[in-house]
Amino acid sequence: MSRLASIVGLAATLLITATEARAQQGGDGVSFGTVGDRFGPPDYYIVQQGDTLWEISNRFLGNPYYWPRLWSINEHITNPHWIYPGNRVVFRLGSLIDPPRIDLDGVPSDGVRTSSVDIVGAEAACGADIRFTDTRGARTYLANGFLAERADVDVYGTVKKARPGAVALAQYDLVYLELDDPEAYSCGDVVSIFRQTRKRVRHPESRSTRFGGLYEVVAEAQIVHRHGDYLTASIRKSWSEVERGDLVGPQVPVNVQVEVAAPRGELDGTIVERLNSEAYLMGNGETVFVDRGRADGVRVGHTFWIVEQRDAAMDTKKEDRDLPYAVVGRLVVVRVDEYSATAVITDAERNLTVGMHIKQEIKSKID
């Protein structure tokens, strides 16, 4: 949807879903902007702690699903998932003759002169619906999970017992490891503590395609002492709670520093699983797993666009394969196995789901 169409659509929405709002000014600042008439949203809203575009759309527009249209007229918000207290969200849309205006500072109603930026309409560029083409310098990403067959996972032993009385163990706690060959380890050796969170990961489209189990690396521990068959280790880093019975194995790198650029290549694939299985939707920073690996030529640092083919209002249950691809996110590969890869979502236009397709190339039929 073009920005002009978004503005016209939201203007119609405001006429239908208008709700009463009042300007509020207090000693702690301005929360709402001025209201042109008694009905309808304010000119603008100052973001408060904990606000989201979803909640702001529901509060002022009467429907949380209008947040993409609201975002479309607030160009200063570069990522809809990252809004901060003090950000200004404008509702005043203007018209085709009088485009919307975003006030950058000051309060227009108090007579103080303010600087402003006009939103100028522009013709859409020819080509596919592509975004997230910028290049970012090397950053460190956390990816504490991997897919593997049980027989391919190197397991030394388990966390048998612990020094604290707590059930959930964390950083700096002492744990007692029961390993197959305790004499093979010395003071200062580092091991990873992990657990299997899902026994079988299947491809969301081809259920016969399997990727082994899903493993989560919960901590890193350093061996400090040996007593008989037990090795005492100190948890020096933890990304989740450690439990008695967790597996112990070789150190698994979970922090990877890579540059993020526009995708290059011809591979495509599917997001087959996510690390955090407690929630349904995914966003920036989420660790996911894709069905392309070393055998396909994937390497650490490769990027993919996350794409979809749908009308968000009509195609709610499945995609329409006759529609063109639209880019809704980007991910970067941080770990590569033979037939799968671990990746981190670096950009998300909206909430994403397992089963979405990924592509490195989106061809345009219009020159």
Protein backbone atom coordinates (compact mmCIF):
# COMPACT_ATOMS: atom_id res chain seq x y z
CA MET A 1 0.00 0.00 0.00
CA SER A 2 1.48 3.40 -0.96
CA ARG A 3 1.84 6.14 1.61
CA LEU A 4 -0.79 8.24 -0.22
CA ALA A 5 -3.28 5.37 -0.15
CA SER A 6 -2.52 4.83 3.53
CA ILE A 7 -3.27 8.47 4.29
CA VAL A 8 -6.55 8.45 2.36
CA GLY A 9 -7.56 5.15 4.00
CA LEU A 10 -6.80 6.38 7.48
CA ALA A 11 -8.69 9.61 6.83
CA ALA A 12 -11.80 7.58 6.05
CA THR A 13 -11.17 5.44 9.12
CA LEU A 14 -11.03 8.48 11.38
CA LEU A 15 -14.41 9.67 10.12
CA ILE A 16 -15.96 6.31 10.90
CA THR A 17 -14.26 5.48 14.17
CA ALA A 18 -13.95 8.97 15.65
CA THR A 19 -14.05 9.03 19.43
CA GLU A 20 -14.14 11.97 21.81
CA ALA A 21 -10.75 13.15 23.06
CA ARG A 22 -9.68 16.12 25.13
CA ALA A 23 -6.46 18.10 25.29
CA GLN A 24 -4.67 17.65 28.59
CA GLN A 25 -1.98 19.96 29.81
CA GLY A 26 -0.34 19.67 33.19
CA GLY A 27 2.77 20.48 35.07
CA ASP A 28 4.48 17.30 33.89
CA GLY A 29 4.14 18.07 30.19
CA VAL A 30 1.67 17.56 27.38
CA SER A 31 0.16 14.15 26.81
CA PHE A 32 -2.38 15.03 24.12
CA GLY A 33 -2.39 17.66 21.39
CA THR A 34 -5.08 20.19 20.63
CA VAL A 35 -8.44 19.06 19.32
CA GLY A 36 -9.91 20.85 16.31
CA ASP A 37 -13.46 19.89 17.21
CA ARG A 38 -15.19 17.99 19.96
CA PHE A 39 -15.12 14.69 18.10
CA GLY A 40 -12.14 12.86 16.68
CA PRO A 41 -8.57 12.16 17.84
CA PRO A 42 -6.17 14.89 18.96
CA ASP A 43 -3.65 16.50 16.61
CA TYR A 44 -0.90 14.47 18.21
CA TYR A 45 -0.08 12.25 21.18
CA ILE A 46 3.12 12.18 23.24
CA VAL A 47 4.23 8.58 23.81
CA GLN A 48 4.27 7.46 27.45
CA GLN A 49 6.19 4.64 29.11
CA GLY A 50 4.84 1.26 27.92
CA ASP A 51 2.88 2.61 24.93
CA THR A 52 2.73 0.77 21.59
CA LEU A 53 1.27 1.83 18.24
CA TRP A 54 -1.17 -1.06 18.65
CA GLU A 55 -2.51 0.39 21.93
CA ILE A 56 -2.50 3.98 20.65
CA SER A 57 -4.52 2.94 17.56
CA ASN A 58 -7.00 1.07 19.72
CA ARG A 59 -7.35 4.00 22.13
CA PHE A 60 -7.83 6.82 19.64
CA LEU A 61 -8.96 5.13 16.44
CA GLY A 62 -11.12 2.42 17.94
CA ASN A 63 -9.27 -0.47 16.28
CA PRO A 64 -5.71 -1.71 17.04
CA TYR A 65 -5.32 -3.08 13.51
CA TYR A 66 -5.12 0.49 12.15
CA TRP A 67 -1.59 0.87 13.54
CA PRO A 68 0.14 0.38 10.11
CA ARG A 69 -1.87 3.28 8.69
CA LEU A 70 -1.02 5.44 11.68
CA TRP A 71 2.64 4.53 11.26
CA SER A 72 2.46 5.45 7.56
CA ILE A 73 1.94 9.15 8.34
CA ASN A 74 4.58 9.28 11.06
CA GLU A 75 7.73 8.96 8.96
CA HIS A 76 9.97 9.93 11.85
CA ILE A 77 9.15 6.56 13.47
CA THR A 78 11.53 4.31 11.53
CA ASN A 79 10.52 1.08 13.26
CA PRO A 80 6.96 0.58 14.59
CA HIS A 81 8.21 -1.75 17.33
CA TRP A 82 10.57 0.89 18.72
CA ILE A 83 8.76 3.95 20.01
CA TYR A 84 9.99 5.75 23.09
CA PRO A 85 8.56 8.05 25.76
CA GLY A 86 8.57 11.57 24.34
CA ASN A 87 8.01 10.51 20.71
CA ARG A 88 5.19 12.44 19.04
CA VAL A 89 2.54 10.51 17.12
CA VAL A 90 0.45 12.75 14.86
CA PHE A 91 -3.15 12.10 13.81
CA ARG A 92 -3.80 15.18 11.67
CA LEU A 93 -3.87 13.87 8.12
CA GLY A 94 -4.63 16.94 6.02
CA SER A 95 -5.80 16.44 2.44
CA LEU A 96 -4.37 16.05 -1.04
CA ILE A 97 -4.24 19.86 -1.34
CA ASP A 98 -3.05 20.48 2.23
CA PRO A 99 -0.70 17.56 3.12
CA PRO A 100 -0.23 16.50 6.75
CA ARG A 101 2.32 18.41 8.82
CA ILE A 102 4.43 16.93 11.60
CA ASP A 103 5.33 19.44 14.33
CA LEU A 104 8.78 18.63 15.65
CA ASP A 105 8.90 20.83 18.73
CA GLY A 106 6.71 23.16 20.73
CA VAL A 107 2.94 23.01 21.22
CA PRO A 108 1.06 24.59 18.29
CA SER A 109 -1.87 25.73 20.46
CA ASP A 110 0.15 27.99 22.75
CA GLY A 111 1.19 30.52 20.12
CA VAL A 112 4.87 29.54 20.24
CA ARG A 113 6.58 29.39 16.87
CA THR A 114 7.44 25.82 15.96
CA SER A 115 9.56 24.20 13.28
CA SER A 116 7.79 21.70 11.07
CA VAL A 117 8.24 19.24 8.24
CA ASP A 118 5.80 18.84 5.36
CA ILE A 119 5.04 15.36 4.06
CA VAL A 120 5.40 15.68 0.32
CA GLY A 121 3.71 13.11 -1.90
CA ALA A 122 5.91 11.26 -4.37
CA GLU A 123 5.29 8.83 -7.17
CA ALA A 124 5.97 5.21 -6.33
CA ALA A 125 9.17 3.77 -7.77
CA CYS A 126 8.76 0.97 -10.28
CA GLY A 127 9.69 -2.47 -9.06
CA ALA A 128 8.97 -5.01 -6.34
CA ASP A 129 7.92 -4.02 -2.81
CA ILE A 130 11.39 -4.10 -1.21
CA ARG A 131 12.68 -2.43 1.96
CA PHE A 132 15.41 -3.05 4.56
CA THR A 133 18.23 -2.53 2.07
CA ASP A 134 20.50 -0.49 4.36
CA THR A 135 23.87 -1.79 5.56
CA ARG A 136 24.73 -1.76 9.26
CA GLY A 137 28.14 -2.12 10.78
CA ALA A 138 29.09 -5.22 12.72
CA ARG A 139 26.93 -5.80 15.79
CA THR A 140 26.84 -8.62 18.33
CA TYR A 141 23.75 -10.83 18.21
CA LEU A 142 22.70 -13.45 20.76
CA ALA A 143 21.57 -16.81 19.38
CA ASN A 144 21.52 -19.38 22.16
CA GLY A 145 19.83 -22.23 20.34
CA PHE A 146 20.37 -24.82 17.62
CA LEU A 147 18.67 -27.68 15.77
CA ALA A 148 20.30 -31.12 15.78
CA GLU A 149 19.64 -34.84 15.79
CA ARG A 150 20.17 -36.31 19.25
CA ALA A 151 22.95 -38.56 17.98
CA ASP A 152 24.85 -35.50 16.70
CA VAL A 153 24.77 -33.64 20.00
CA ASP A 154 27.96 -34.04 22.05
CA VAL A 155 26.83 -34.58 25.66
CA TYR A 156 29.40 -34.87 28.46
CA GLY A 157 26.93 -35.47 31.26
CA THR A 158 24.35 -33.58 33.34
CA VAL A 159 23.87 -31.04 36.09
CA LYS A 160 23.29 -33.54 38.89
CA LYS A 161 23.01 -31.32 41.96
CA ALA A 162 23.70 -27.76 43.12
CA ARG A 163 24.96 -25.78 46.09
CA PRO A 164 21.94 -23.40 46.49
CA GLY A 165 18.59 -24.63 47.69
CA ALA A 166 16.75 -22.90 44.84
CA VAL A 167 15.13 -24.91 42.07
CA ALA A 168 16.01 -22.36 39.38
CA LEU A 169 19.75 -21.68 39.28
CA ALA A 170 21.41 -18.60 37.82
CA GLN A 171 24.67 -16.73 37.34
CA TYR A 172 27.34 -17.27 40.04
CA ASP A 173 25.59 -20.31 41.52
CA LEU A 174 27.69 -23.44 42.09
CA VAL A 175 26.51 -26.62 40.39
CA TYR A 176 27.76 -30.20 40.70
CA LEU A 177 28.29 -31.89 37.35
CA GLU A 178 28.20 -35.64 36.80
CA LEU A 179 30.26 -36.22 33.67
CA ASP A 180 31.31 -39.40 31.88
CA ASP A 181 35.03 -38.85 32.41
CA PRO A 182 35.59 -36.35 35.26
CA GLU A 183 39.37 -36.81 35.17
CA ALA A 184 39.48 -35.40 31.65
CA TYR A 185 38.70 -31.87 32.88
CA SER A 186 40.88 -29.28 34.58
CA CYS A 187 40.17 -26.20 36.64
CA GLY A 188 39.23 -23.33 34.32
CA ASP A 189 37.65 -25.45 31.57
CA VAL A 190 34.42 -23.96 30.22
CA VAL A 191 31.34 -25.98 29.29
CA SER A 192 27.86 -25.12 28.04
CA ILE A 193 24.66 -26.11 29.82
CA PHE A 194 21.70 -26.74 27.54
CA ARG A 195 18.42 -28.61 27.28
CA GLN A 196 16.20 -30.05 24.60
CA THR A 197 12.99 -28.00 24.40
CA ARG A 198 11.42 -29.87 21.48
CA LYS A 199 12.11 -33.45 20.40
CA ARG A 200 11.10 -33.10 16.76
CA VAL A 201 11.05 -30.03 14.57
CA ARG A 202 9.16 -30.56 11.33
CA HIS A 203 8.93 -28.36 8.27
CA PRO A 204 5.67 -26.36 8.48
CA GLU A 205 4.82 -27.15 4.84
CA SER A 206 6.44 -30.55 4.29
CA ARG A 207 5.76 -32.42 7.52
CA SER A 208 7.93 -35.33 6.39
CA THR A 209 11.01 -33.08 6.48
CA ARG A 210 12.55 -33.14 9.95
CA PHE A 211 15.40 -31.17 11.50
CA GLY A 212 16.01 -33.10 14.71
CA GLY A 213 15.36 -31.54 18.10
CA LEU A 214 15.46 -27.94 19.31
CA TYR A 215 18.11 -27.22 21.93
CA GLU A 216 18.41 -24.08 24.06
CA VAL A 217 21.76 -23.08 25.56
CA VAL A 218 20.81 -21.77 29.00
CA ALA A 219 24.22 -21.07 30.55
CA GLU A 220 27.98 -21.25 30.43
CA ALA A 221 29.91 -22.65 33.41
CA GLN A 222 33.55 -22.83 34.47
CA ILE A 223 34.92 -25.85 36.29
CA VAL A 224 36.57 -24.88 39.59
CA HIS A 225 37.00 -28.13 41.55
CA ARG A 226 36.83 -31.93 41.39
CA HIS A 227 35.78 -34.16 44.27
CA GLY A 228 35.49 -37.85 43.50
CA ASP A 229 33.08 -38.27 40.60
CA TYR A 230 31.68 -34.76 40.89
CA LEU A 231 32.98 -31.64 39.20
CA THR A 232 32.05 -28.32 40.78
CA ALA A 233 31.37 -25.53 38.30
CA SER A 234 30.45 -21.87 38.66
CA ILE A 235 27.78 -20.49 36.33
CA ARG A 236 29.54 -17.48 34.81
CA LYS A 237 26.86 -16.53 32.25
CA SER A 238 23.19 -17.48 32.10
CA TRP A 239 20.54 -16.68 29.49
CA SER A 240 17.78 -18.66 31.18
CA GLU A 241 17.33 -20.52 34.46
CA VAL A 242 19.49 -23.61 34.97
CA GLU A 243 17.80 -26.74 36.30
CA ARG A 244 19.08 -30.00 37.73
CA GLY A 245 19.07 -32.55 34.91
CA ASP A 246 20.18 -30.09 32.23
CA LEU A 247 22.72 -31.39 29.74
CA VAL A 248 26.41 -30.47 29.77
CA GLY A 249 28.54 -30.32 26.64
CA PRO A 250 31.30 -28.43 24.84
CA GLN A 251 31.20 -24.65 24.81
CA VAL A 252 28.74 -23.40 22.19
CA PRO A 253 29.36 -19.84 20.88
CA VAL A 254 26.12 -17.89 21.31
CA ASN A 255 27.34 -14.33 20.66
CA VAL A 256 28.13 -13.64 17.01
CA GLN A 257 29.33 -10.34 15.55
CA VAL A 258 28.20 -9.79 11.96
CA GLU A 259 27.43 -7.00 9.53
CA VAL A 260 23.88 -6.75 8.20
CA ALA A 261 23.47 -5.83 4.54
CA ALA A 262 20.88 -6.23 1.80
CA PRO A 263 20.43 -9.90 0.82
CA ARG A 264 22.52 -11.17 -2.07
CA GLY A 265 22.16 -14.49 -3.82
CA GLU A 266 19.37 -16.63 -5.19
CA LEU A 267 18.36 -18.82 -2.24
CA ASP A 268 14.90 -18.97 -0.78
CA GLY A 269 13.49 -20.96 2.13
CA THR A 270 11.19 -21.00 5.13
CA ILE A 271 11.32 -20.13 8.83
CA VAL A 272 10.70 -23.55 10.37
CA GLU A 273 10.97 -22.84 14.09
CA ARG A 274 11.73 -20.21 16.72
CA LEU A 275 13.66 -20.39 19.97
CA ASN A 276 11.02 -18.79 22.16
CA SER A 277 8.07 -21.15 21.85
CA GLU A 278 6.01 -19.46 24.60
CA ALA A 279 4.70 -16.70 22.32
CA TYR A 280 3.05 -16.94 18.90
CA LEU A 281 4.35 -13.77 17.24
CA MET A 282 7.94 -12.75 16.55
CA GLY A 283 9.77 -9.42 16.30
CA ASN A 284 13.20 -7.81 16.25
CA GLY A 285 15.93 -9.72 18.07
CA GLU A 286 14.11 -13.06 17.92
CA THR A 287 16.16 -16.20 17.26
CA VAL A 288 14.69 -18.35 14.47
CA PHE A 289 15.69 -21.38 12.42
CA VAL A 290 15.51 -21.70 8.63
CA ASP A 291 15.53 -24.71 6.30
CA ARG A 292 18.72 -23.79 4.46
CA GLY A 293 22.21 -24.68 5.66
CA ARG A 294 25.81 -25.36 4.74
CA ALA A 295 24.80 -27.84 2.04
CA ASP A 296 22.87 -25.05 0.31
CA GLY A 297 25.78 -22.62 0.43
CA VAL A 298 24.57 -20.60 3.44
CA ARG A 299 27.27 -18.97 5.53
CA VAL A 300 27.35 -16.88 8.71
CA GLY A 301 26.50 -13.26 7.86
CA HIS A 302 24.20 -14.07 4.95
CA THR A 303 20.92 -12.18 5.05
CA PHE A 304 17.42 -12.95 3.79
CA TRP A 305 14.29 -10.91 3.31
CA ILE A 306 11.20 -12.21 5.08
CA VAL A 307 8.33 -12.03 2.59
CA GLU A 308 4.63 -12.68 2.26
CA GLN A 309 1.94 -12.75 -0.43
CA ARG A 310 -1.32 -11.58 1.05
CA ASP A 311 -3.95 -8.92 1.53
CA ALA A 312 -3.69 -8.44 5.29
CA ALA A 313 -7.44 -7.81 5.60
CA MET A 314 -8.68 -10.63 3.35
CA ASP A 315 -6.02 -13.35 3.39
CA THR A 316 -5.94 -13.99 7.13
CA LYS A 317 -5.66 -17.79 7.05
CA LYS A 318 -3.39 -18.41 4.10
CA GLU A 319 -1.41 -16.49 1.52
CA ASP A 320 -2.48 -15.72 -2.04
CA ARG A 321 0.29 -17.12 -4.23
CA ASP A 322 -0.91 -15.04 -7.19
CA LEU A 323 0.09 -11.79 -5.43
CA PRO A 324 3.61 -10.34 -5.65
CA TYR A 325 6.08 -10.75 -2.81
CA ALA A 326 6.11 -8.00 -0.19
CA VAL A 327 9.08 -7.63 2.16
CA VAL A 328 8.00 -7.53 5.82
CA GLY A 329 11.33 -8.19 7.54
CA ARG A 330 14.97 -9.20 7.33
CA LEU A 331 17.13 -11.75 9.15
CA VAL A 332 20.85 -12.48 9.41
CA VAL A 333 22.41 -15.94 9.75
CA VAL A 334 24.54 -16.38 12.88
CA ARG A 335 25.11 -20.16 12.95
CA VAL A 336 25.15 -22.72 10.12
CA ASP A 337 24.53 -26.46 10.32
CA GLU A 338 24.45 -28.90 7.42
CA TYR A 339 20.76 -28.57 6.49
CA SER A 340 19.55 -25.70 8.67
CA ALA A 341 20.74 -22.39 10.03
CA THR A 342 20.18 -20.24 13.11
CA ALA A 343 19.28 -16.62 12.40
CA VAL A 344 18.25 -13.45 14.18
CA ILE A 345 15.47 -11.13 12.99
CA THR A 346 17.07 -7.70 12.56
CA ASP A 347 14.11 -5.85 11.00
CA ALA A 348 10.37 -6.40 11.27
CA GLU A 349 7.64 -4.29 9.72
CA ARG A 350 5.14 -6.04 11.96
CA ASN A 351 4.80 -9.23 14.01
CA LEU A 352 6.03 -12.31 12.14
CA THR A 353 5.24 -16.03 12.41
CA VAL A 354 6.85 -19.42 11.88
CA GLY A 355 6.20 -20.66 8.33
CA MET A 356 6.93 -17.34 6.61
CA HIS A 357 9.09 -17.54 3.51
CA ILE A 358 12.54 -16.01 3.11
CA LYS A 359 14.25 -14.88 -0.11
CA GLN A 360 17.58 -13.41 -1.15
CA GLU A 361 16.32 -12.14 -4.49
CA ILE A 362 12.99 -10.63 -5.53
CA LYS A 363 12.81 -10.12 -9.26
CA SER A 364 10.81 -7.30 -10.81
CA LYS A 365 9.01 -7.74 -14.13
CA ILE A 366 8.89 -3.98 -14.73
CA ASP A 367 12.04 -2.23 -15.98
